[in-house]
Amino acid sequence: MAGDLQFSWELSGSGWATYQIADASAERKDFVSYCTDALADLLHGVAGLYGPIAIQRVSFDLEPAEVRWILQCRGLDVDIAIYRFPDMHTSFDAADEEGTLAWSSIQPRCSLSHTVMAAAQSVLLTHGEDGYRAKWVQHPFPVAALQDLRRLHLREDRCDLQHEMSFP
């Protein structure tokens, strides 16, 4: 069912984050490494859905595995498919379908953007920029990416939910 998306992103240790994504049918949870700037990549990927490129790919390193999110616009909806690959280093050139489909859903772009933005905002409010950097180690909190997604979401989507943006 569209519009029933839930998403969370939590720093779960030094250099690790846990995300959980769910709809009414299924959920997916992964432990993401800081080897990539994962939260920034996700924010940029979702923001990219507002541009001319209909498909956005976001890859998370699970050390050694990879999950690759394929976000494909279909009008105002987004097909979300998460593929899992056993080894990030050997899956670099692999086609998406060579991975195992781990989770999929169709959601309104507005809902996807809002839930990802809210999860990132929650991380910022919980840890602040300095606390995020201390826990995520290699990358600062993606303030600009969050602001960009918020700007696009507010400009392009008709969203009735609250849109607070604050920085500790």
Protein backbone atom coordinates (compact mmCIF):
# COMPACT_ATOMS: atom_id res chain seq x y z
CA MET A 1 0.00 0.00 0.00
CA ALA A 2 1.41 3.39 -0.98
CA GLY A 3 2.07 6.04 1.64
CA ASP A 4 2.73 3.65 4.55
CA LEU A 5 6.50 4.04 4.54
CA GLN A 6 8.60 4.04 7.70
CA PHE A 7 12.32 4.75 7.75
CA SER A 8 14.91 5.24 10.47
CA TRP A 9 18.65 5.86 10.52
CA GLU A 10 20.60 5.52 13.75
CA LEU A 11 24.27 5.70 14.52
CA SER A 12 24.93 2.35 16.15
CA GLY A 13 28.61 2.58 17.01
CA SER A 14 31.86 4.10 15.87
CA GLY A 15 31.66 4.04 12.08
CA TRP A 16 28.38 2.12 11.94
CA ALA A 17 24.74 3.03 11.34
CA THR A 18 21.59 0.97 11.34
CA TYR A 19 18.77 1.75 8.98
CA GLN A 20 15.34 0.20 8.89
CA ILE A 21 12.83 0.64 6.11
CA ALA A 22 9.33 -0.83 6.17
CA ASP A 23 5.93 -0.65 4.54
CA ALA A 24 2.75 -2.56 5.32
CA SER A 25 4.12 -5.70 3.66
CA ALA A 26 7.74 -6.10 4.73
CA GLU A 27 10.74 -4.50 6.37
CA ARG A 28 14.50 -4.41 5.80
CA LYS A 29 17.27 -3.65 8.28
CA ASP A 30 20.98 -3.32 7.55
CA PHE A 31 24.13 -2.28 9.40
CA VAL A 32 25.98 0.24 7.24
CA SER A 33 29.70 1.04 7.39
CA TYR A 34 31.31 4.47 7.24
CA CYS A 35 33.42 3.33 4.25
CA THR A 36 31.00 5.37 2.17
CA ASP A 37 29.25 8.62 3.07
CA ALA A 38 26.03 6.62 3.27
CA LEU A 39 23.55 9.12 4.72
CA ALA A 40 24.74 11.87 2.38
CA ASP A 41 24.52 9.47 -0.56
CA LEU A 42 20.95 8.57 0.37
CA LEU A 43 19.92 12.23 0.72
CA HIS A 44 21.50 13.05 -2.66
CA GLY A 45 19.83 10.03 -4.27
CA VAL A 46 16.37 10.98 -3.02
CA ALA A 47 16.95 14.63 -4.02
CA GLY A 48 17.94 13.39 -7.47
CA LEU A 49 14.39 12.10 -7.94
CA TYR A 50 13.34 15.72 -8.47
CA GLY A 51 15.61 16.11 -11.50
CA PRO A 52 15.61 14.81 -15.05
CA ILE A 53 17.22 11.44 -14.28
CA ALA A 54 14.45 8.97 -13.49
CA ILE A 55 16.66 6.35 -11.81
CA GLN A 56 18.90 6.97 -8.81
CA ARG A 57 21.26 4.37 -7.34
CA VAL A 58 22.59 4.47 -3.79
CA SER A 59 25.08 1.90 -2.53
CA PHE A 60 25.84 1.07 1.11
CA ASP A 61 28.89 -0.87 2.24
CA LEU A 62 28.01 -3.52 4.82
CA GLU A 63 31.59 -4.84 5.01
CA PRO A 64 31.94 -6.96 2.99
CA ALA A 65 28.45 -7.08 1.49
CA GLU A 66 26.72 -4.30 -0.44
CA VAL A 67 23.12 -3.21 -0.58
CA ARG A 68 22.16 -1.14 -3.58
CA TRP A 69 19.01 0.95 -3.55
CA ILE A 70 17.43 1.52 -6.94
CA LEU A 71 14.98 4.44 -6.86
CA GLN A 72 12.95 4.82 -10.04
CA CYS A 73 10.42 7.60 -10.59
CA ARG A 74 7.11 6.66 -12.14
CA GLY A 75 5.20 9.92 -12.21
CA LEU A 76 4.87 11.02 -8.60
CA ASP A 77 5.57 7.50 -7.29
CA VAL A 78 8.92 5.83 -6.72
CA ASP A 79 9.72 2.16 -7.19
CA ILE A 80 12.18 1.28 -4.42
CA ALA A 81 14.19 -1.91 -4.89
CA ILE A 82 17.01 -2.94 -2.55
CA TYR A 83 19.42 -5.53 -3.92
CA ARG A 84 22.01 -7.35 -1.82
CA PHE A 85 25.39 -8.44 -3.12
CA PRO A 86 27.74 -10.71 -1.13
CA ASP A 87 30.89 -8.60 -1.67
CA MET A 88 31.06 -4.88 -2.36
CA HIS A 89 34.45 -5.17 -4.04
CA THR A 90 33.28 -7.67 -6.66
CA SER A 91 29.80 -6.19 -7.22
CA PHE A 92 31.04 -2.80 -8.43
CA ASP A 93 30.36 -3.57 -12.10
CA ALA A 94 27.49 -6.00 -11.47
CA ALA A 95 24.08 -5.24 -12.93
CA ASP A 96 21.43 -4.51 -10.33
CA GLU A 97 19.56 -7.72 -11.10
CA GLU A 98 22.67 -9.80 -10.38
CA GLY A 99 22.06 -9.07 -6.72
CA THR A 100 19.34 -10.68 -4.63
CA LEU A 101 16.19 -8.57 -4.32
CA ALA A 102 15.98 -8.01 -0.55
CA TRP A 103 13.10 -5.51 -0.31
CA SER A 104 10.85 -3.53 -2.62
CA SER A 105 7.97 -1.12 -2.43
CA ILE A 106 6.19 1.55 -4.42
CA GLN A 107 5.78 4.80 -2.51
CA PRO A 108 4.79 8.37 -3.31
CA ARG A 109 7.91 10.49 -3.84
CA CYS A 110 6.52 12.88 -1.22
CA SER A 111 6.40 10.11 1.39
CA LEU A 112 9.88 8.79 0.59
CA SER A 113 11.40 12.26 0.69
CA HIS A 114 9.66 13.22 3.89
CA THR A 115 10.55 10.06 5.80
CA VAL A 116 14.22 10.09 4.72
CA MET A 117 14.47 13.80 5.54
CA ALA A 118 12.84 13.29 8.96
CA ALA A 119 15.21 10.41 9.78
CA ALA A 120 18.25 12.51 8.89
CA GLN A 121 16.90 15.44 10.90
CA SER A 122 16.43 13.11 13.88
CA VAL A 123 20.08 12.01 13.66
CA LEU A 124 21.18 15.66 13.60
CA LEU A 125 19.01 16.58 16.56
CA THR A 126 20.23 13.56 18.55
CA HIS A 127 23.96 13.95 17.91
CA GLY A 128 24.58 17.43 16.52
CA GLU A 129 27.18 17.96 13.84
CA ASP A 130 30.14 17.38 16.19
CA GLY A 131 28.62 14.26 17.73
CA TYR A 132 27.80 12.86 14.28
CA ARG A 133 31.37 13.40 13.11
CA ALA A 134 32.73 11.78 16.28
CA LYS A 135 30.59 8.66 15.73
CA TRP A 136 30.62 8.47 11.90
CA VAL A 137 34.35 9.33 11.89
CA GLN A 138 35.20 9.79 8.19
CA HIS A 139 32.42 12.12 7.09
CA PRO A 140 30.67 15.20 8.52
CA PHE A 141 26.91 15.38 8.85
CA PRO A 142 25.47 16.13 5.37
CA VAL A 143 23.85 19.47 6.22
CA ALA A 144 23.81 20.76 2.64
CA ALA A 145 22.31 17.53 1.30
CA LEU A 146 19.55 17.64 3.93
CA GLN A 147 18.82 21.30 3.17
CA ASP A 148 18.71 20.58 -0.57
CA LEU A 149 16.27 17.69 -0.16
CA ARG A 150 14.09 19.80 2.12
CA ARG A 151 14.05 22.66 -0.42
CA LEU A 152 13.10 20.35 -3.29
CA HIS A 153 10.47 18.54 -1.24
CA LEU A 154 8.80 21.75 -0.10
CA ARG A 155 8.88 23.24 -3.61
CA GLU A 156 7.69 20.19 -5.57
CA ASP A 157 5.51 18.08 -3.28
CA ARG A 158 2.18 18.74 -1.69
CA CYS A 159 2.97 17.50 1.77
CA ASP A 160 0.71 18.28 4.71
CA LEU A 161 3.18 17.08 7.34
CA GLN A 162 5.27 19.34 9.56
CA HIS A 163 8.65 20.38 8.12
CA GLU A 164 10.97 21.58 10.84
CA MET A 165 14.62 22.17 10.12
CA SER A 166 16.78 23.04 13.06
CA PHE A 167 20.43 22.73 13.85
CA PRO A 168 21.72 22.20 17.37
